[in-house]
Amino acid sequence: MDRNKVICRCFNVTAGAIEDAVKSGATTFEDVQAKTSCSTGCGCCEQDVRDLINELAK
């Protein structure tokens, strides 16, 4: 995984930031949103964020 890949363009949230949120205890999409603000703008990245959370939870 490229930690520098921008997943949420509205808030410039990277895959690394999402990974860090999951490692620090975020277990749901809503938890990751609260920690990173991802997918709280236009919402276009929601599925990408959900997919990444699921991948990291394995």
PDB file of N, CA and C in Angstrom:
ATOM      1  N   MET A   1       0.846  -1.181   0.000  1.00  0.00           N
ATOM      2  CA  MET A   1       0.000   0.000   0.000  1.00  0.00           C
ATOM      3  C   MET A   1       0.891   1.244   0.000  1.00  0.00           C
ATOM      4  N   ASP A   2       0.530   2.191  -0.830  1.00  0.00           N
ATOM      5  CA  ASP A   2       1.239   3.468  -0.882  1.00  0.00           C
ATOM      6  C   ASP A   2       0.634   4.403   0.161  1.00  0.00           C
ATOM      7  N   ARG A   3       1.339   4.599   1.257  1.00  0.00           N
ATOM      8  CA  ARG A   3       0.829   5.439   2.352  1.00  0.00           C
ATOM      9  C   ARG A   3       0.611   6.884   1.939  1.00  0.00           C
ATOM     10  N   ASN A   4       1.259   7.313   0.853  1.00  0.00           N
ATOM     11  CA  ASN A   4       1.136   8.708   0.408  1.00  0.00           C
ATOM     12  C   ASN A   4      -0.005   8.925  -0.569  1.00  0.00           C
ATOM     13  N   LYS A   5      -0.669   7.849  -0.986  1.00  0.00           N
ATOM     14  CA  LYS A   5      -1.773   7.981  -1.935  1.00  0.00           C
ATOM     15  C   LYS A   5      -2.925   8.736  -1.283  1.00  0.00           C
ATOM     16  N   VAL A   6      -3.379   9.801  -1.948  1.00  0.00           N
ATOM     17  CA  VAL A   6      -4.500  10.587  -1.427  1.00  0.00           C
ATOM     18  C   VAL A   6      -5.789   9.831  -1.722  1.00  0.00           C
ATOM     19  N   ILE A   7      -6.527   9.522  -0.677  1.00  0.00           N
ATOM     20  CA  ILE A   7      -7.801   8.818  -0.800  1.00  0.00           C
ATOM     21  C   ILE A   7      -8.950   9.818  -0.825  1.00  0.00           C
ATOM     22  N   CYS A   8      -8.898  10.812   0.031  1.00  0.00           N
ATOM     23  CA  CYS A   8      -9.932  11.853   0.114  1.00  0.00           C
ATOM     24  C   CYS A   8      -9.327  13.165  -0.367  1.00  0.00           C
ATOM     25  N   ARG A   9      -9.745  13.583  -1.536  1.00  0.00           N
ATOM     26  CA  ARG A   9      -9.199  14.813  -2.112  1.00  0.00           C
ATOM     27  C   ARG A   9      -9.737  16.076  -1.422  1.00  0.00           C
ATOM     28  N   CYS A  10     -10.938  16.025  -0.913  1.00  0.00           N
ATOM     29  CA  CYS A  10     -11.512  17.207  -0.254  1.00  0.00           C
ATOM     30  C   CYS A  10     -10.668  17.652   0.943  1.00  0.00           C
ATOM     31  N   PHE A  11     -10.175  16.673   1.707  1.00  0.00           N
ATOM     32  CA  PHE A  11      -9.427  16.977   2.924  1.00  0.00           C
ATOM     33  C   PHE A  11      -7.989  16.479   2.874  1.00  0.00           C
ATOM     34  N   ASN A  12      -7.543  16.045   1.677  1.00  0.00           N
ATOM     35  CA  ASN A  12      -6.170  15.596   1.471  1.00  0.00           C
ATOM     36  C   ASN A  12      -5.771  14.499   2.466  1.00  0.00           C
ATOM     37  N   VAL A  13      -6.662  13.531   2.641  1.00  0.00           N
ATOM     38  CA  VAL A  13      -6.416  12.421   3.563  1.00  0.00           C
ATOM     39  C   VAL A  13      -5.752  11.283   2.792  1.00  0.00           C
ATOM     40  N   THR A  14      -4.624  10.845   3.284  1.00  0.00           N
ATOM     41  CA  THR A  14      -3.864   9.793   2.619  1.00  0.00           C
ATOM     42  C   THR A  14      -4.225   8.411   3.167  1.00  0.00           C
ATOM     43  N   ALA A  15      -3.805   7.403   2.429  1.00  0.00           N
ATOM     44  CA  ALA A  15      -3.978   6.025   2.889  1.00  0.00           C
ATOM     45  C   ALA A  15      -3.249   5.827   4.215  1.00  0.00           C
ATOM     46  N   GLY A  16      -2.107   6.475   4.371  1.00  0.00           N
ATOM     47  CA  GLY A  16      -1.351   6.381   5.616  1.00  0.00           C
ATOM     48  C   GLY A  16      -2.102   6.947   6.801  1.00  0.00           C
ATOM     49  N   ALA A  17      -2.802   8.051   6.588  1.00  0.00           N
ATOM     50  CA  ALA A  17      -3.588   8.647   7.676  1.00  0.00           C
ATOM     51  C   ALA A  17      -4.730   7.726   8.074  1.00  0.00           C
ATOM     52  N   ILE A  18      -5.327   7.077   7.091  1.00  0.00           N
ATOM     53  CA  ILE A  18      -6.406   6.132   7.388  1.00  0.00           C
ATOM     54  C   ILE A  18      -5.839   4.918   8.117  1.00  0.00           C
ATOM     55  N   GLU A  19      -4.697   4.439   7.673  1.00  0.00           N
ATOM     56  CA  GLU A  19      -4.046   3.310   8.351  1.00  0.00           C
ATOM     57  C   GLU A  19      -3.716   3.682   9.792  1.00  0.00           C
ATOM     58  N   ASP A  20      -3.198   4.869  10.006  1.00  0.00           N
ATOM     59  CA  ASP A  20      -2.868   5.311  11.363  1.00  0.00           C
ATOM     60  C   ASP A  20      -4.119   5.378  12.242  1.00  0.00           C
ATOM     61  N   ALA A  21      -5.225   5.851  11.662  1.00  0.00           N
ATOM     62  CA  ALA A  21      -6.476   5.929  12.419  1.00  0.00           C
ATOM     63  C   ALA A  21      -6.936   4.539  12.837  1.00  0.00           C
ATOM     64  N   VAL A  22      -6.842   3.580  11.916  1.00  0.00           N
ATOM     65  CA  VAL A  22      -7.239   2.199  12.226  1.00  0.00           C
ATOM     66  C   VAL A  22      -6.318   1.614  13.295  1.00  0.00           C
ATOM     67  N   LYS A  23      -5.026   1.846  13.155  1.00  0.00           N
ATOM     68  CA  LYS A  23      -4.071   1.323  14.148  1.00  0.00           C
ATOM     69  C   LYS A  23      -4.274   1.940  15.527  1.00  0.00           C
ATOM     70  N   SER A  24      -4.840   3.151  15.560  1.00  0.00           N
ATOM     71  CA  SER A  24      -5.056   3.804  16.853  1.00  0.00           C
ATOM     72  C   SER A  24      -6.441   3.517  17.429  1.00  0.00           C
ATOM     73  N   GLY A  25      -7.156   2.579  16.808  1.00  0.00           N
ATOM     74  CA  GLY A  25      -8.404   2.136  17.410  1.00  0.00           C
ATOM     75  C   GLY A  25      -9.672   2.383  16.622  1.00  0.00           C
ATOM     76  N   ALA A  26      -9.610   3.089  15.513  1.00  0.00           N
ATOM     77  CA  ALA A  26     -10.807   3.308  14.699  1.00  0.00           C
ATOM     78  C   ALA A  26     -11.177   1.982  14.038  1.00  0.00           C
ATOM     79  N   THR A  27     -12.376   1.510  14.294  1.00  0.00           N
ATOM     80  CA  THR A  27     -12.773   0.208  13.756  1.00  0.00           C
ATOM     81  C   THR A  27     -13.890   0.304  12.726  1.00  0.00           C
ATOM     82  N   THR A  28     -14.554   1.443  12.653  1.00  0.00           N
ATOM     83  CA  THR A  28     -15.653   1.613  11.706  1.00  0.00           C
ATOM     84  C   THR A  28     -15.366   2.788  10.783  1.00  0.00           C
ATOM     85  N   PHE A  29     -16.127   2.849   9.714  1.00  0.00           N
ATOM     86  CA  PHE A  29     -16.036   3.966   8.785  1.00  0.00           C
ATOM     87  C   PHE A  29     -16.241   5.289   9.524  1.00  0.00           C
ATOM     88  N   GLU A  30     -17.240   5.310  10.395  1.00  0.00           N
ATOM     89  CA  GLU A  30     -17.549   6.529  11.149  1.00  0.00           C
ATOM     90  C   GLU A  30     -16.412   6.924  12.087  1.00  0.00           C
ATOM     91  N   ASP A  31     -15.753   5.941  12.689  1.00  0.00           N
ATOM     92  CA  ASP A  31     -14.591   6.213  13.544  1.00  0.00           C
ATOM     93  C   ASP A  31     -13.477   6.869  12.731  1.00  0.00           C
ATOM     94  N   VAL A  32     -13.214   6.320  11.542  1.00  0.00           N
ATOM     95  CA  VAL A  32     -12.161   6.871  10.682  1.00  0.00           C
ATOM     96  C   VAL A  32     -12.538   8.271  10.229  1.00  0.00           C
ATOM     97  N   GLN A  33     -13.798   8.496   9.917  1.00  0.00           N
ATOM     98  CA  GLN A  33     -14.262   9.844   9.552  1.00  0.00           C
ATOM     99  C   GLN A  33     -13.989  10.824  10.689  1.00  0.00           C
ATOM    100  N   ALA A  34     -14.303  10.426  11.903  1.00  0.00           N
ATOM    101  CA  ALA A  34     -14.116  11.306  13.060  1.00  0.00           C
ATOM    102  C   ALA A  34     -12.647  11.660  13.266  1.00  0.00           C
ATOM    103  N   LYS A  35     -11.755  10.701  13.014  1.00  0.00           N
ATOM    104  CA  LYS A  35     -10.331  10.942  13.229  1.00  0.00           C
ATOM    105  C   LYS A  35      -9.663  11.691  12.079  1.00  0.00           C
ATOM    106  N   THR A  36     -10.202  11.544  10.836  1.00  0.00           N
ATOM    107  CA  THR A  36      -9.493  12.094   9.677  1.00  0.00           C
ATOM    108  C   THR A  36     -10.292  13.111   8.861  1.00  0.00           C
ATOM    109  N   SER A  37     -11.592  13.184   9.059  1.00  0.00           N
ATOM    110  CA  SER A  37     -12.516  14.001   8.259  1.00  0.00           C
ATOM    111  C   SER A  37     -12.716  13.476   6.843  1.00  0.00           C
ATOM    112  N   CYS A  38     -12.165  12.313   6.534  1.00  0.00           N
ATOM    113  CA  CYS A  38     -12.323  11.777   5.182  1.00  0.00           C
ATOM    114  C   CYS A  38     -13.795  11.494   4.894  1.00  0.00           C
ATOM    115  N   SER A  39     -14.163  11.704   3.657  1.00  0.00           N
ATOM    116  CA  SER A  39     -15.511  11.440   3.152  1.00  0.00           C
ATOM    117  C   SER A  39     -16.588  12.253   3.867  1.00  0.00           C
ATOM    118  N   THR A  40     -16.218  13.411   4.397  1.00  0.00           N
ATOM    119  CA  THR A  40     -17.210  14.294   4.998  1.00  0.00           C
ATOM    120  C   THR A  40     -17.470  15.511   4.111  1.00  0.00           C
ATOM    121  N   GLY A  41     -16.776  15.561   2.971  1.00  0.00           N
ATOM    122  CA  GLY A  41     -16.995  16.637   2.001  1.00  0.00           C
ATOM    123  C   GLY A  41     -17.973  16.162   0.947  1.00  0.00           C
ATOM    124  N   CYS A  42     -17.465  15.856  -0.229  1.00  0.00           N
ATOM    125  CA  CYS A  42     -18.330  15.442  -1.338  1.00  0.00           C
ATOM    126  C   CYS A  42     -18.792  14.001  -1.211  1.00  0.00           C
ATOM    127  N   GLY A  43     -18.038  13.167  -0.496  1.00  0.00           N
ATOM    128  CA  GLY A  43     -18.420  11.777  -0.277  1.00  0.00           C
ATOM    129  C   GLY A  43     -18.012  10.815  -1.381  1.00  0.00           C
ATOM    130  N   CYS A  44     -17.353  11.302  -2.412  1.00  0.00           N
ATOM    131  CA  CYS A  44     -16.968  10.442  -3.537  1.00  0.00           C
ATOM    132  C   CYS A  44     -16.008   9.328  -3.135  1.00  0.00           C
ATOM    133  N   CYS A  45     -15.262   9.504  -2.077  1.00  0.00           N
ATOM    134  CA  CYS A  45     -14.256   8.524  -1.685  1.00  0.00           C
ATOM    135  C   CYS A  45     -14.781   7.489  -0.698  1.00  0.00           C
ATOM    136  N   GLU A  46     -16.050   7.556  -0.350  1.00  0.00           N
ATOM    137  CA  GLU A  46     -16.568   6.680   0.712  1.00  0.00           C
ATOM    138  C   GLU A  46     -16.255   5.205   0.462  1.00  0.00           C
ATOM    139  N   GLN A  47     -16.499   4.702  -0.732  1.00  0.00           N
ATOM    140  CA  GLN A  47     -16.259   3.278  -0.987  1.00  0.00           C
ATOM    141  C   GLN A  47     -14.778   2.953  -0.890  1.00  0.00           C
ATOM    142  N   ASP A  48     -13.909   3.850  -1.377  1.00  0.00           N
ATOM    143  CA  ASP A  48     -12.466   3.619  -1.273  1.00  0.00           C
ATOM    144  C   ASP A  48     -12.031   3.563   0.191  1.00  0.00           C
ATOM    145  N   VAL A  49     -12.589   4.445   1.003  1.00  0.00           N
ATOM    146  CA  VAL A  49     -12.257   4.465   2.432  1.00  0.00           C
ATOM    147  C   VAL A  49     -12.737   3.173   3.087  1.00  0.00           C
ATOM    148  N   ARG A  50     -13.967   2.783   2.795  1.00  0.00           N
ATOM    149  CA  ARG A  50     -14.511   1.545   3.370  1.00  0.00           C
ATOM    150  C   ARG A  50     -13.677   0.329   2.961  1.00  0.00           C
ATOM    151  N   ASP A  51     -13.299   0.282   1.670  1.00  0.00           N
ATOM    152  CA  ASP A  51     -12.482  -0.837   1.186  1.00  0.00           C
ATOM    153  C   ASP A  51     -11.131  -0.886   1.905  1.00  0.00           C
ATOM    154  N   LEU A  52     -10.521   0.279   2.104  1.00  0.00           N
ATOM    155  CA  LEU A  52      -9.222   0.336   2.776  1.00  0.00           C
ATOM    156  C   LEU A  52      -9.344  -0.096   4.235  1.00  0.00           C
ATOM    157  N   ILE A  53     -10.388   0.341   4.905  1.00  0.00           N
ATOM    158  CA  ILE A  53     -10.608  -0.069   6.301  1.00  0.00           C
ATOM    159  C   ILE A  53     -10.755  -1.591   6.373  1.00  0.00           C
ATOM    160  N   ASN A  54     -11.533  -2.154   5.467  1.00  0.00           N
ATOM    161  CA  ASN A  54     -11.723  -3.613   5.454  1.00  0.00           C
ATOM    162  C   ASN A  54     -10.415  -4.343   5.199  1.00  0.00           C
ATOM    163  N   GLU A  55      -9.610  -3.816   4.274  1.00  0.00           N
ATOM    164  CA  GLU A  55      -8.315  -4.423   3.970  1.00  0.00           C
ATOM    165  C   GLU A  55      -7.385  -4.364   5.188  1.00  0.00           C
ATOM    166  N   LEU A  56      -7.391  -3.247   5.883  1.00  0.00           N
ATOM    167  CA  LEU A  56      -6.523  -3.082   7.039  1.00  0.00           C
ATOM    168  C   LEU A  56      -6.983  -3.916   8.223  1.00  0.00           C
ATOM    169  N   ALA A  57      -8.260  -4.211   8.287  1.00  0.00           N
ATOM    170  CA  ALA A  57      -8.817  -4.975   9.414  1.00  0.00           C
ATOM    171  C   ALA A  57      -8.488  -6.465   9.323  1.00  0.00           C
ATOM    172  N   LYS A  58      -8.016  -6.908   8.170  1.00  0.00           N
ATOM    173  CA  LYS A  58      -7.695  -8.339   7.990  1.00  0.00           C
ATOM    174  C   LYS A  58      -6.503  -8.754   8.816  1.00  0.00           C
TER     175      LYS A  58
END
